[in-house]
Amino acid sequence: MASHGIGGWLETTVIPASTSAAAFDTVISKGWLSGSAAKAIAKALQRHQGRRTASVRSFVVTASKGPLAAGEKTDARSWGRELADSANTR
């Protein structure tokens, strides 16, 4: 089965309105040349599901297959806690 990516998946999947959405990706650098899959996912959620993404983040990796760059694991954990706290206050 061929993969159509997140955009194709969002076209055929219904995410309940009560479910919060967040998007993240990994990038090799935060320079101007690296695009953001997380932003593209957020746009696809808006386009296909009519909903906004609660949070969008990019985490830097040291190579195309990782690992996370220094400090990124801590940032990812903090972001995860923020998302959990936000979900618990709804």
C-alpha atoms as a PDB file:
ATOM      1  CA  MET A   1       0.000   0.000   0.000  1.00  0.00           C
ATOM      2  CA  ALA A   2       1.419   3.371  -0.986  1.00  0.00           C
ATOM      3  CA  SER A   3       1.680   6.103   1.601  1.00  0.00           C
ATOM      4  CA  HIS A   4       0.046   9.422   0.800  1.00  0.00           C
ATOM      5  CA  GLY A   5       1.437  11.299   3.763  1.00  0.00           C
ATOM      6  CA  ILE A   6      -0.339  13.185   6.492  1.00  0.00           C
ATOM      7  CA  GLY A   7      -2.388  15.290   4.077  1.00  0.00           C
ATOM      8  CA  GLY A   8      -3.881  12.182   2.466  1.00  0.00           C
ATOM      9  CA  TRP A   9      -4.543  10.659   5.860  1.00  0.00           C
ATOM     10  CA  LEU A  10      -6.315  13.802   7.064  1.00  0.00           C
ATOM     11  CA  GLU A  11      -8.535  13.768   3.967  1.00  0.00           C
ATOM     12  CA  THR A  12      -9.873  10.327   4.919  1.00  0.00           C
ATOM     13  CA  THR A  13      -9.849  10.516   8.722  1.00  0.00           C
ATOM     14  CA  VAL A  14     -12.294  12.244  11.010  1.00  0.00           C
ATOM     15  CA  ILE A  15     -10.808  13.501  14.253  1.00  0.00           C
ATOM     16  CA  PRO A  16     -13.491  14.104  16.894  1.00  0.00           C
ATOM     17  CA  ALA A  17     -14.014  17.780  17.687  1.00  0.00           C
ATOM     18  CA  SER A  18     -13.370  17.031  21.353  1.00  0.00           C
ATOM     19  CA  THR A  19      -9.819  15.902  20.535  1.00  0.00           C
ATOM     20  CA  SER A  20      -7.097  18.537  20.760  1.00  0.00           C
ATOM     21  CA  ALA A  21      -4.447  18.477  18.069  1.00  0.00           C
ATOM     22  CA  ALA A  22      -0.766  19.361  18.206  1.00  0.00           C
ATOM     23  CA  ALA A  23       1.858  18.952  15.518  1.00  0.00           C
ATOM     24  CA  PHE A  24       5.612  18.546  15.688  1.00  0.00           C
ATOM     25  CA  ASP A  25       8.460  17.677  13.396  1.00  0.00           C
ATOM     26  CA  THR A  26      12.209  17.327  13.457  1.00  0.00           C
ATOM     27  CA  VAL A  27      14.550  19.533  11.466  1.00  0.00           C
ATOM     28  CA  ILE A  28      18.282  19.352  10.926  1.00  0.00           C
ATOM     29  CA  SER A  29      18.620  23.063  11.597  1.00  0.00           C
ATOM     30  CA  LYS A  30      16.348  25.980  12.340  1.00  0.00           C
ATOM     31  CA  GLY A  31      17.838  27.883   9.411  1.00  0.00           C
ATOM     32  CA  TRP A  32      15.818  29.476   6.661  1.00  0.00           C
ATOM     33  CA  LEU A  33      16.333  26.520   4.299  1.00  0.00           C
ATOM     34  CA  SER A  34      14.556  23.967   6.453  1.00  0.00           C
ATOM     35  CA  GLY A  35      10.806  23.825   5.997  1.00  0.00           C
ATOM     36  CA  SER A  36       8.409  22.814   8.732  1.00  0.00           C
ATOM     37  CA  ALA A  37       6.343  19.666   8.364  1.00  0.00           C
ATOM     38  CA  ALA A  38       4.631  20.658  11.623  1.00  0.00           C
ATOM     39  CA  LYS A  39       3.339  23.868  10.045  1.00  0.00           C
ATOM     40  CA  ALA A  40       2.201  21.894   6.990  1.00  0.00           C
ATOM     41  CA  ILE A  41       0.343  19.455   9.271  1.00  0.00           C
ATOM     42  CA  ALA A  42      -1.331  22.369  11.064  1.00  0.00           C
ATOM     43  CA  LYS A  43      -2.409  23.845   7.710  1.00  0.00           C
ATOM     44  CA  ALA A  44      -3.712  20.449   6.573  1.00  0.00           C
ATOM     45  CA  LEU A  45      -5.721  20.103   9.799  1.00  0.00           C
ATOM     46  CA  GLN A  46      -7.245  23.509   9.142  1.00  0.00           C
ATOM     47  CA  ARG A  47      -7.948  22.736   5.490  1.00  0.00           C
ATOM     48  CA  HIS A  48      -9.317  19.179   5.876  1.00  0.00           C
ATOM     49  CA  GLN A  49     -10.766  19.209   9.371  1.00  0.00           C
ATOM     50  CA  GLY A  50     -11.625  22.905   9.789  1.00  0.00           C
ATOM     51  CA  ARG A  51      -9.759  23.126  13.059  1.00  0.00           C
ATOM     52  CA  ARG A  52      -6.805  24.927  14.498  1.00  0.00           C
ATOM     53  CA  THR A  53      -3.816  23.179  15.996  1.00  0.00           C
ATOM     54  CA  ALA A  54      -3.253  23.893  19.678  1.00  0.00           C
ATOM     55  CA  SER A  55       0.520  23.928  19.357  1.00  0.00           C
ATOM     56  CA  VAL A  56       3.170  23.526  16.666  1.00  0.00           C
ATOM     57  CA  ARG A  57       6.836  22.777  17.398  1.00  0.00           C
ATOM     58  CA  SER A  58      10.002  21.794  15.595  1.00  0.00           C
ATOM     59  CA  PHE A  59      12.804  19.939  17.337  1.00  0.00           C
ATOM     60  CA  VAL A  60      16.366  19.976  16.029  1.00  0.00           C
ATOM     61  CA  VAL A  61      18.156  16.716  15.280  1.00  0.00           C
ATOM     62  CA  THR A  62      21.848  16.302  14.556  1.00  0.00           C
ATOM     63  CA  ALA A  63      21.337  14.189  11.408  1.00  0.00           C
ATOM     64  CA  SER A  64      18.442  13.065   9.216  1.00  0.00           C
ATOM     65  CA  LYS A  65      17.797  10.035  11.430  1.00  0.00           C
ATOM     66  CA  GLY A  66      18.576  11.753  14.757  1.00  0.00           C
ATOM     67  CA  PRO A  67      19.385  11.910  17.552  1.00  0.00           C
ATOM     68  CA  LEU A  68      17.899  15.068  19.009  1.00  0.00           C
ATOM     69  CA  ALA A  69      20.367  17.933  19.357  1.00  0.00           C
ATOM     70  CA  ALA A  70      21.542  19.034  22.793  1.00  0.00           C
ATOM     71  CA  GLY A  71      18.712  20.402  24.909  1.00  0.00           C
ATOM     72  CA  GLU A  72      15.952  19.285  22.545  1.00  0.00           C
ATOM     73  CA  LYS A  73      14.896  16.299  24.664  1.00  0.00           C
ATOM     74  CA  THR A  74      14.347  18.636  27.611  1.00  0.00           C
ATOM     75  CA  ASP A  75      12.397  21.035  25.377  1.00  0.00           C
ATOM     76  CA  ALA A  76      10.281  18.163  24.021  1.00  0.00           C
ATOM     77  CA  ARG A  77       9.443  16.960  27.520  1.00  0.00           C
ATOM     78  CA  SER A  78       8.510  20.490  28.595  1.00  0.00           C
ATOM     79  CA  TRP A  79       6.303  20.891  25.532  1.00  0.00           C
ATOM     80  CA  GLY A  80       4.629  17.564  26.272  1.00  0.00           C
ATOM     81  CA  ARG A  81       3.933  18.653  29.846  1.00  0.00           C
ATOM     82  CA  GLU A  82       2.473  21.950  28.592  1.00  0.00           C
ATOM     83  CA  LEU A  83       0.179  20.039  26.219  1.00  0.00           C
ATOM     84  CA  ALA A  84      -0.916  17.669  28.996  1.00  0.00           C
ATOM     85  CA  ASP A  85      -1.556  20.565  31.379  1.00  0.00           C
ATOM     86  CA  SER A  86      -3.552  22.374  28.711  1.00  0.00           C
ATOM     87  CA  ALA A  87      -5.635  19.258  28.009  1.00  0.00           C
ATOM     88  CA  ASN A  88      -6.298  18.765  31.716  1.00  0.00           C
ATOM     89  CA  THR A  89      -7.691  22.295  32.104  1.00  0.00           C
ATOM     90  CA  ARG A  90     -10.385  21.882  29.435  1.00  0.00           C
END
